[in-house]
Protein backbone atom coordinates (compact mmCIF):
# COMPACT_ATOMS: atom_id res chain seq x y z
CA MET A 1 -8.14 138.75 131.03
CA GLN A 2 -10.70 140.97 131.85
CA LYS A 3 -9.89 143.01 128.44
CA ASN A 4 -10.70 139.42 126.45
CA PHE A 5 -13.86 139.51 128.41
CA GLY A 6 -14.87 142.88 127.62
CA THR A 7 -14.07 142.40 123.72
CA ILE A 8 -16.18 139.10 124.33
CA PHE A 9 -19.04 140.75 125.87
CA LEU A 10 -19.31 143.85 122.81
CA GLN A 11 -18.72 141.59 120.15
CA LEU A 12 -21.68 139.39 121.41
CA PHE A 13 -23.48 142.34 122.35
CA LEU A 14 -22.95 143.97 118.58
CA CYS A 15 -23.80 140.39 117.24
CA LEU A 16 -27.32 140.63 118.81
CA LEU A 17 -28.43 143.76 118.74
CA LEU A 18 -27.17 143.56 114.67
CA SER A 19 -29.65 140.25 114.98
CA VAL A 20 -32.48 141.97 116.66
CA VAL A 21 -32.27 144.54 113.87
CA LEU A 22 -32.31 142.53 110.80
CA LEU A 23 -35.35 140.62 112.87
CA ALA A 24 -36.90 144.00 112.89
CA TYR A 25 -36.41 144.53 109.26
CA SER A 26 -37.25 141.29 108.32
CA TYR A 27 -40.51 141.64 110.18
CA SER A 28 -41.30 145.08 108.32
CA VAL A 29 -40.91 144.02 104.89
CA ILE A 30 -42.54 140.54 105.21
CA ASN A 31 -45.74 142.29 107.19
CA ASP A 32 -45.78 145.15 104.05
CA PHE A 33 -45.89 142.37 101.57
CA ARG A 34 -48.63 140.59 102.90
CA SER A 35 -50.35 143.82 103.23
CA SER A 36 -50.33 144.41 99.81
CA LEU A 37 -51.54 141.03 98.61
CA GLN A 38 -54.65 141.98 100.18
CA PRO A 39 -57.10 143.01 97.98
CA ASP A 40 -58.36 146.65 98.67
CA TYR A 41 -62.42 146.22 99.65
CA SER A 42 -63.70 148.96 97.97
CA THR A 43 -62.31 147.61 94.23
CA VAL A 44 -63.55 144.07 95.09
CA LEU A 45 -67.54 145.46 95.77
CA ASN A 46 -67.08 147.55 92.45
CA SER A 47 -65.78 144.31 90.47
CA GLY A 48 -68.31 142.52 92.01
CA ILE A 49 -71.41 145.27 91.05
CA TYR A 50 -70.18 144.87 87.28
CA ILE A 51 -69.85 141.62 87.22
CA PHE A 52 -73.08 141.19 88.38
CA LYS A 53 -74.48 143.83 86.13
CA GLU A 54 -72.91 142.08 82.98
CA CYS A 55 -74.49 138.86 84.31
CA GLU A 56 -77.94 140.73 84.50
CA PHE A 57 -77.22 142.24 80.82
CA SER A 58 -76.49 138.78 79.27
CA ILE A 59 -79.67 137.15 80.86
CA PHE A 60 -81.56 139.77 79.64
CA LEU A 61 -80.53 139.05 76.07
CA VAL A 62 -80.99 135.46 76.53
CA GLN A 63 -84.40 135.88 76.97
């Protein structure tokens, strides 16, 4: 009877360990994906300056 309890507890422990590892891995993957979606602020700033200069040039041509 105790041998059955030992194997049951071993299986529960391994299942719990596997669940924790998979949860940590999925959190890491999701976190990496979210950080890759956020733009680099220097790129945003440079593109904003470029758009501003293009608009300024267009206004100069219209006048």
